[in-house]
Amino acid sequence: MSGFYNTFEPNIVRNPTALMIVITGAAGFIASCLVAKLNEESFYDLILVDDFSREDKKSNYEGKRYSALVDRKKFPQWLQENEKQVQFVFHLGARTDTTEFNRDIFDELNLEYSKTIWKLCAAFAIPLVYASSAATYGGGEHGYADDHEVVTKLVPLNPYGDSKNDFDKWALAQNDAPYFWAGLKFFNVYGPNEYHKERMASVVLHAYRQIGEKGHMKLFRSHKEGIADGHQQRDFVYVKDVTEVCMFLMHHRKDSGLYNLGSGKARTFLDLAKGTFNAMEVQEDIRFVDTPEDIRDKYQYFTEADMSKLRSIGFDRPFTPLEEGIRDYVQNYLKHDKVW
């Protein structure tokens, strides 16, 4: 087993009788927050999987407790050799750049790699939760219900969304599956540990930085008749709520399928901007600029997760209101340059 350990030292003394939880993408945004949540719930025998070469992601995992870091490329072999100790796999690693149009990258990292993990979990009877995306819904012409019958009709707006929908379709067609699996269609997730995401970071982080540097914030102008500037709507969901859903599914382990993961309530970008100014205790100064032409024809003006399916299997926790989530993010993390 030690041959697959990364050169970093594990942060705990290993308990040889414990069952391990694997988290892929563990140096990234959502997965590193899940590691923080697992640690808070006293889960320490964690295997973190990723490409750990990026220095700007190191703070996301270096202070956390885990058993080993495993390189992404070595993980399939590692899992084959250590499957008897693994209790659960959270496959959250993916290429998430919606402005990338090289389909080969998505085919390799989001589709084929995910198929490999699925097949191993199926073979070894390991439950699996993986990251899908609300990008699968495209322009929303078929609504935002996580109905399996709709999946083949969806037309995503970019190769990233295509790769996620392609895997969802493939998963639903499999006769050999993990005894429990869930594909989570993440909507607009925001919160701590996204410092490294640059252009793909949440609007909250961009707003915080713009306001801090310039005293004002720029939002995209509306280019759609009937929708006022700043009234484009998204389902913004706080990353801490995302981790609560992951924990629920880890314990639930039944009712396999695709599940939306948003707040269930669309809010405007204007609401988000105002919430950020309020959290920073800065006077509002919101300005509008044209939506970049390279994304204008693929821009979603509305998303809202239908959360009834997740609620129907017993997840009853309320989701954090947008203003409350922004306040926690700004005042407890961004202001102090902290990770969770």
Protein backbone atom coordinates (compact mmCIF):
# COMPACT_ATOMS: atom_id res chain seq x y z
CA MET A 1 0.00 0.00 0.00
CA SER A 2 2.76 2.45 0.87
CA GLY A 3 3.96 2.47 -2.72
CA PHE A 4 0.97 4.60 -3.68
CA TYR A 5 1.35 7.18 -0.95
CA ASN A 6 2.34 10.65 -2.01
CA THR A 7 5.57 12.04 -0.63
CA PHE A 8 3.60 14.22 1.82
CA GLU A 9 3.37 12.81 5.32
CA PRO A 10 -0.08 11.68 6.50
CA ASN A 11 -1.61 13.98 9.10
CA ILE A 12 -2.75 11.23 11.47
CA VAL A 13 -1.48 8.04 13.04
CA ARG A 14 -3.11 5.30 10.99
CA ASN A 15 -5.77 3.11 12.53
CA PRO A 16 -5.40 -0.24 10.71
CA THR A 17 -8.98 -1.34 11.56
CA ALA A 18 -10.73 1.80 10.24
CA LEU A 19 -12.63 1.85 6.96
CA MET A 20 -11.46 4.52 4.60
CA ILE A 21 -13.37 7.21 2.72
CA VAL A 22 -11.94 8.33 -0.63
CA ILE A 23 -12.40 11.89 -1.93
CA THR A 24 -11.20 12.69 -5.45
CA GLY A 25 -10.53 16.28 -6.46
CA ALA A 26 -9.52 16.80 -2.84
CA ALA A 27 -7.25 19.77 -3.56
CA GLY A 28 -10.13 21.56 -5.26
CA PHE A 29 -13.05 23.64 -4.06
CA ILE A 30 -16.02 21.45 -3.15
CA ALA A 31 -14.02 18.32 -2.33
CA SER A 32 -11.67 20.09 0.10
CA CYS A 33 -14.72 21.54 1.88
CA LEU A 34 -16.11 18.01 2.16
CA VAL A 35 -12.83 16.94 3.74
CA ALA A 36 -13.23 19.77 6.27
CA LYS A 37 -16.78 18.64 7.03
CA LEU A 38 -15.69 15.01 7.41
CA ASN A 39 -12.95 16.09 9.82
CA GLU A 40 -15.51 18.08 11.83
CA GLU A 41 -17.63 14.92 12.05
CA SER A 42 -14.58 12.95 13.29
CA PHE A 43 -13.78 11.13 10.06
CA TYR A 44 -10.00 11.14 9.72
CA ASP A 45 -9.17 7.97 7.78
CA LEU A 46 -9.47 9.77 4.46
CA ILE A 47 -7.70 9.12 1.17
CA LEU A 48 -7.31 12.36 -0.76
CA VAL A 49 -6.95 11.92 -4.52
CA ASP A 50 -5.89 14.65 -6.95
CA ASP A 51 -3.03 16.11 -8.95
CA PHE A 52 -1.23 17.72 -6.05
CA SER A 53 1.30 19.65 -8.15
CA ARG A 54 -0.43 23.05 -7.92
CA GLU A 55 0.92 25.22 -5.13
CA ASP A 56 -2.15 27.47 -5.18
CA LYS A 57 -4.30 24.55 -4.04
CA LYS A 58 -2.03 23.37 -1.24
CA SER A 59 -3.74 25.39 1.49
CA ASN A 60 -6.99 23.56 0.75
CA TYR A 61 -5.68 20.31 2.23
CA GLU A 62 -2.41 20.89 4.09
CA GLY A 63 -4.05 21.63 7.45
CA LYS A 64 -6.55 18.79 7.30
CA ARG A 65 -6.38 15.31 8.81
CA TYR A 66 -6.14 12.40 6.42
CA SER A 67 -4.33 9.11 5.93
CA ALA A 68 -2.73 9.58 2.54
CA LEU A 69 -2.51 11.65 -0.62
CA VAL A 70 -2.80 9.55 -3.78
CA ASP A 71 -1.99 10.87 -7.22
CA ARG A 72 -5.00 10.89 -9.53
CA LYS A 73 -3.30 8.76 -12.19
CA LYS A 74 -2.34 6.11 -9.64
CA PHE A 75 -5.71 5.96 -7.94
CA PRO A 76 -7.38 3.21 -10.05
CA GLN A 77 -4.52 0.84 -9.31
CA TRP A 78 -4.50 1.93 -5.66
CA LEU A 79 -8.21 1.17 -5.37
CA GLN A 80 -7.77 -2.29 -6.86
CA GLU A 81 -5.14 -3.08 -4.24
CA ASN A 82 -6.94 -1.54 -1.25
CA GLU A 83 -10.64 -2.01 -2.01
CA LYS A 84 -11.33 -4.10 1.10
CA GLN A 85 -10.58 -1.12 3.34
CA VAL A 86 -12.61 1.47 1.41
CA GLN A 87 -16.03 2.30 2.82
CA PHE A 88 -17.16 5.03 0.41
CA VAL A 89 -15.97 6.99 -2.64
CA PHE A 90 -16.79 10.63 -3.32
CA HIS A 91 -15.69 11.26 -6.89
CA LEU A 92 -15.71 15.06 -7.05
CA GLY A 93 -12.63 15.63 -9.20
CA ALA A 94 -13.28 16.96 -12.71
CA ARG A 95 -12.24 19.51 -15.28
CA THR A 96 -14.81 22.26 -14.64
CA ASP A 97 -13.81 25.07 -17.01
CA THR A 98 -16.94 25.99 -18.98
CA THR A 99 -14.84 28.13 -21.34
CA GLU A 100 -12.66 25.18 -22.41
CA PHE A 101 -13.69 23.79 -25.80
CA ASN A 102 -11.16 20.98 -26.24
CA ARG A 103 -13.47 17.97 -25.98
CA ASP A 104 -10.56 15.55 -25.69
CA ILE A 105 -9.72 17.00 -22.27
CA PHE A 106 -13.25 16.44 -21.02
CA ASP A 107 -13.44 12.97 -22.57
CA GLU A 108 -10.31 11.95 -20.67
CA LEU A 109 -10.87 13.60 -17.30
CA ASN A 110 -14.65 13.76 -16.93
CA LEU A 111 -15.90 10.82 -18.95
CA GLU A 112 -13.38 7.97 -19.27
CA TYR A 113 -11.80 8.49 -15.84
CA SER A 114 -15.25 8.53 -14.22
CA LYS A 115 -16.17 5.32 -16.05
CA THR A 116 -13.07 3.67 -14.61
CA ILE A 117 -13.99 4.68 -11.06
CA TRP A 118 -17.60 3.58 -11.54
CA LYS A 119 -16.55 0.14 -12.82
CA LEU A 120 -14.20 -0.40 -9.90
CA CYS A 121 -16.82 0.64 -7.36
CA ALA A 122 -19.33 -1.67 -9.03
CA ALA A 123 -16.87 -4.58 -9.02
CA PHE A 124 -15.94 -4.10 -5.37
CA ALA A 125 -19.44 -3.11 -4.09
CA ILE A 126 -18.26 0.30 -2.94
CA PRO A 127 -20.93 3.04 -2.74
CA LEU A 128 -20.22 6.04 -4.95
CA VAL A 129 -21.28 9.68 -5.04
CA TYR A 130 -20.05 11.61 -8.06
CA ALA A 131 -20.21 15.18 -9.29
CA SER A 132 -22.57 15.91 -12.14
CA SER A 133 -23.62 19.48 -12.91
CA ALA A 134 -26.56 21.78 -13.56
CA ALA A 135 -24.70 22.62 -16.79
CA THR A 136 -26.33 19.45 -18.12
CA TYR A 137 -29.64 21.34 -18.30
CA GLY A 138 -28.39 23.66 -21.03
CA GLY A 139 -30.78 26.54 -21.67
CA GLY A 140 -33.43 25.05 -19.41
CA GLU A 141 -35.84 24.22 -22.23
CA HIS A 142 -36.63 20.91 -20.50
CA GLY A 143 -36.82 22.43 -17.03
CA TYR A 144 -34.64 21.66 -14.03
CA ALA A 145 -36.10 18.44 -12.66
CA ASP A 146 -33.68 15.58 -11.94
CA ASP A 147 -35.90 13.12 -13.80
CA HIS A 148 -34.00 10.23 -15.40
CA GLU A 149 -36.38 10.26 -18.36
CA VAL A 150 -35.25 13.75 -19.33
CA VAL A 151 -31.50 13.07 -19.40
CA THR A 152 -31.33 11.89 -23.02
CA LYS A 153 -33.21 15.02 -24.17
CA LEU A 154 -30.89 17.55 -22.55
CA VAL A 155 -28.70 19.77 -24.73
CA PRO A 156 -25.87 21.36 -22.71
CA LEU A 157 -24.39 24.65 -23.90
CA ASN A 158 -20.70 23.72 -23.75
CA PRO A 159 -18.35 20.70 -23.82
CA TYR A 160 -18.11 20.68 -20.01
CA GLY A 161 -21.87 20.25 -19.73
CA ASP A 162 -21.78 17.65 -22.51
CA SER A 163 -19.18 15.60 -20.64
CA LYS A 164 -21.24 15.59 -17.46
CA ASN A 165 -24.44 14.68 -19.29
CA ASP A 166 -22.64 12.01 -21.30
CA PHE A 167 -21.53 10.35 -18.09
CA ASP A 168 -25.00 10.62 -16.53
CA LYS A 169 -26.46 8.91 -19.61
CA TRP A 170 -23.78 6.22 -19.50
CA ALA A 171 -24.34 5.61 -15.77
CA LEU A 172 -28.08 5.22 -16.18
CA ALA A 173 -27.53 2.65 -18.94
CA GLN A 174 -25.29 0.38 -16.85
CA ASN A 175 -26.45 -3.00 -15.62
CA ASP A 176 -23.37 -3.27 -13.39
CA ALA A 177 -23.50 -0.47 -10.86
CA PRO A 178 -22.33 0.22 -7.31
CA TYR A 179 -24.97 -1.06 -4.87
CA PHE A 180 -25.58 2.62 -4.05
CA TRP A 181 -24.69 5.55 -6.25
CA ALA A 182 -25.74 9.18 -6.63
CA GLY A 183 -24.84 11.75 -9.26
CA LEU A 184 -25.14 15.27 -7.85
CA LYS A 185 -26.13 18.03 -10.28
CA PHE A 186 -24.39 20.96 -8.60
CA PHE A 187 -25.92 24.35 -9.31
CA ASN A 188 -23.98 27.60 -8.59
CA VAL A 189 -21.85 26.64 -5.61
CA TYR A 190 -20.01 29.39 -3.71
CA GLY A 191 -17.97 29.50 -0.53
CA PRO A 192 -14.50 29.05 0.98
CA ASN A 193 -11.63 27.19 -0.70
CA GLU A 194 -12.20 28.53 -4.22
CA TYR A 195 -9.29 31.02 -4.21
CA HIS A 196 -7.49 29.06 -6.95
CA LYS A 197 -10.38 29.02 -9.44
CA GLU A 198 -9.57 32.34 -11.17
CA ARG A 199 -12.19 33.09 -13.86
CA MET A 200 -14.30 30.11 -12.82
CA ALA A 201 -14.62 31.25 -9.19
CA SER A 202 -18.05 32.22 -7.88
CA VAL A 203 -19.45 35.69 -8.45
CA VAL A 204 -19.23 36.25 -4.69
CA LEU A 205 -15.44 35.93 -4.77
CA HIS A 206 -15.16 38.15 -7.86
CA ALA A 207 -17.44 40.71 -6.20
CA TYR A 208 -15.42 40.69 -2.99
CA ARG A 209 -12.18 41.29 -4.87
CA GLN A 210 -13.63 43.98 -7.14
CA ILE A 211 -15.21 45.87 -4.26
CA GLY A 212 -12.05 45.62 -2.20
CA GLU A 213 -9.82 46.89 -5.01
CA LYS A 214 -12.08 49.45 -6.72
CA GLY A 215 -14.96 50.17 -4.39
CA HIS A 216 -17.51 49.07 -6.99
CA MET A 217 -18.73 45.89 -8.66
CA LYS A 218 -19.48 45.12 -12.29
CA LEU A 219 -22.31 42.84 -13.36
CA PHE A 220 -23.15 41.59 -16.84
CA ARG A 221 -25.73 43.63 -18.67
CA SER A 222 -28.81 41.75 -19.82
CA HIS A 223 -28.96 41.02 -23.54
CA LYS A 224 -32.40 39.42 -23.40
CA GLU A 225 -35.62 41.32 -23.89
CA GLY A 226 -37.83 41.42 -20.82
CA ILE A 227 -35.00 40.85 -18.34
CA ALA A 228 -33.53 43.93 -16.66
CA ASP A 229 -29.80 44.38 -16.05
CA GLY A 230 -28.75 42.37 -13.02
CA HIS A 231 -31.98 40.37 -12.98
CA GLN A 232 -30.47 37.28 -14.52
CA GLN A 233 -31.16 34.53 -11.98
CA ARG A 234 -29.23 31.57 -10.68
CA ASP A 235 -29.70 28.98 -7.99
CA PHE A 236 -26.80 29.88 -5.66
CA VAL A 237 -25.99 27.20 -3.08
CA TYR A 238 -23.54 27.53 -0.21
CA VAL A 239 -20.80 24.91 -0.22
CA LYS A 240 -21.48 24.04 3.42
CA ASP A 241 -24.96 22.92 2.38
CA VAL A 242 -23.39 20.80 -0.35
CA THR A 243 -21.30 18.99 2.25
CA GLU A 244 -24.41 18.35 4.36
CA VAL A 245 -26.05 16.60 1.41
CA CYS A 246 -22.92 14.52 0.83
CA MET A 247 -22.89 13.44 4.47
CA PHE A 248 -26.58 12.55 4.31
CA LEU A 249 -26.05 10.36 1.25
CA MET A 250 -23.02 8.66 2.80
CA HIS A 251 -25.21 7.49 5.68
CA HIS A 252 -28.40 6.95 3.62
CA ARG A 253 -26.96 4.59 0.98
CA LYS A 254 -30.18 3.80 -0.85
CA ASP A 255 -32.40 5.35 -3.54
CA SER A 256 -29.66 5.48 -6.17
CA GLY A 257 -29.93 8.02 -8.97
CA LEU A 258 -29.35 11.58 -10.12
CA TYR A 259 -30.09 14.39 -7.69
CA ASN A 260 -30.19 18.14 -8.04
CA LEU A 261 -28.10 20.03 -5.52
CA GLY A 262 -29.07 23.67 -5.35
CA SER A 263 -30.91 25.80 -2.82
CA GLY A 264 -34.17 25.36 -4.68
CA LYS A 265 -34.66 29.10 -5.03
CA ALA A 266 -33.38 31.27 -7.89
CA ARG A 267 -31.96 34.67 -6.90
CA THR A 268 -30.78 37.57 -9.03
CA PHE A 269 -27.18 38.64 -9.48
CA LEU A 270 -28.33 41.99 -8.12
CA ASP A 271 -29.34 40.23 -4.88
CA LEU A 272 -25.90 38.63 -4.74
CA ALA A 273 -24.12 41.95 -5.33
CA LYS A 274 -26.15 43.74 -2.66
CA GLY A 275 -25.50 40.89 -0.23
CA THR A 276 -21.75 41.16 -0.81
CA PHE A 277 -21.69 44.94 -0.26
CA ASN A 278 -23.71 44.47 2.95
CA ALA A 279 -21.42 41.70 4.22
CA MET A 280 -18.39 43.89 3.53
CA GLU A 281 -20.14 46.90 5.11
CA VAL A 282 -19.40 48.99 2.02
CA GLN A 283 -21.80 51.38 0.29
CA GLU A 284 -23.32 49.90 -2.87
CA ASP A 285 -21.84 50.89 -6.24
CA ILE A 286 -23.00 48.46 -8.93
CA ARG A 287 -22.17 49.00 -12.59
CA PHE A 288 -23.06 47.04 -15.73
CA VAL A 289 -20.86 45.84 -18.58
CA ASP A 290 -21.62 43.85 -21.72
CA THR A 291 -21.52 40.08 -21.40
CA PRO A 292 -18.35 38.85 -23.20
CA GLU A 293 -19.17 37.76 -26.72
CA ASP A 294 -17.43 34.38 -26.31
CA ILE A 295 -20.04 33.30 -23.76
CA ARG A 296 -23.02 35.48 -24.69
CA ASP A 297 -24.82 32.90 -26.86
CA LYS A 298 -24.32 30.23 -24.19
CA TYR A 299 -25.35 32.36 -21.22
CA GLN A 300 -28.08 31.01 -18.93
CA TYR A 301 -30.59 33.63 -17.77
CA PHE A 302 -32.33 31.40 -15.25
CA THR A 303 -31.59 28.25 -13.26
CA GLU A 304 -33.49 26.84 -10.30
CA ALA A 305 -33.09 23.37 -8.89
CA ASP A 306 -36.18 21.27 -8.32
CA MET A 307 -35.21 19.80 -4.94
CA SER A 308 -38.28 17.63 -4.40
CA LYS A 309 -36.47 14.38 -5.24
CA LEU A 310 -33.77 14.82 -2.59
CA ARG A 311 -36.41 15.92 -0.08
CA SER A 312 -38.47 12.82 -0.89
CA ILE A 313 -35.72 10.48 0.34
CA GLY A 314 -35.40 12.22 3.69
CA PHE A 315 -33.05 15.19 3.39
CA ASP A 316 -34.92 17.77 5.46
CA ARG A 317 -32.30 20.34 6.42
CA PRO A 318 -33.03 23.91 5.30
CA PHE A 319 -30.64 25.48 2.80
CA THR A 320 -28.71 28.59 3.82
CA PRO A 321 -30.34 31.82 2.59
CA LEU A 322 -28.12 33.66 0.09
CA GLU A 323 -27.47 36.69 2.29
CA GLU A 324 -26.57 34.49 5.27
CA GLY A 325 -24.19 32.36 3.22
CA ILE A 326 -22.47 35.40 1.73
CA ARG A 327 -22.07 36.94 5.17
CA ASP A 328 -20.44 33.80 6.57
CA TYR A 329 -18.18 33.47 3.53
CA VAL A 330 -17.09 37.10 3.55
CA GLN A 331 -16.69 37.71 7.26
CA ASN A 332 -15.27 34.36 8.38
CA TYR A 333 -13.15 33.41 5.35
CA LEU A 334 -12.53 36.08 2.71
CA LYS A 335 -11.74 38.90 5.14
CA HIS A 336 -9.13 36.70 6.82
CA ASP A 337 -7.91 34.89 3.69
CA LYS A 338 -8.86 31.64 5.40
CA VAL A 339 -9.83 28.23 4.07
CA TRP A 340 -12.31 25.89 5.68
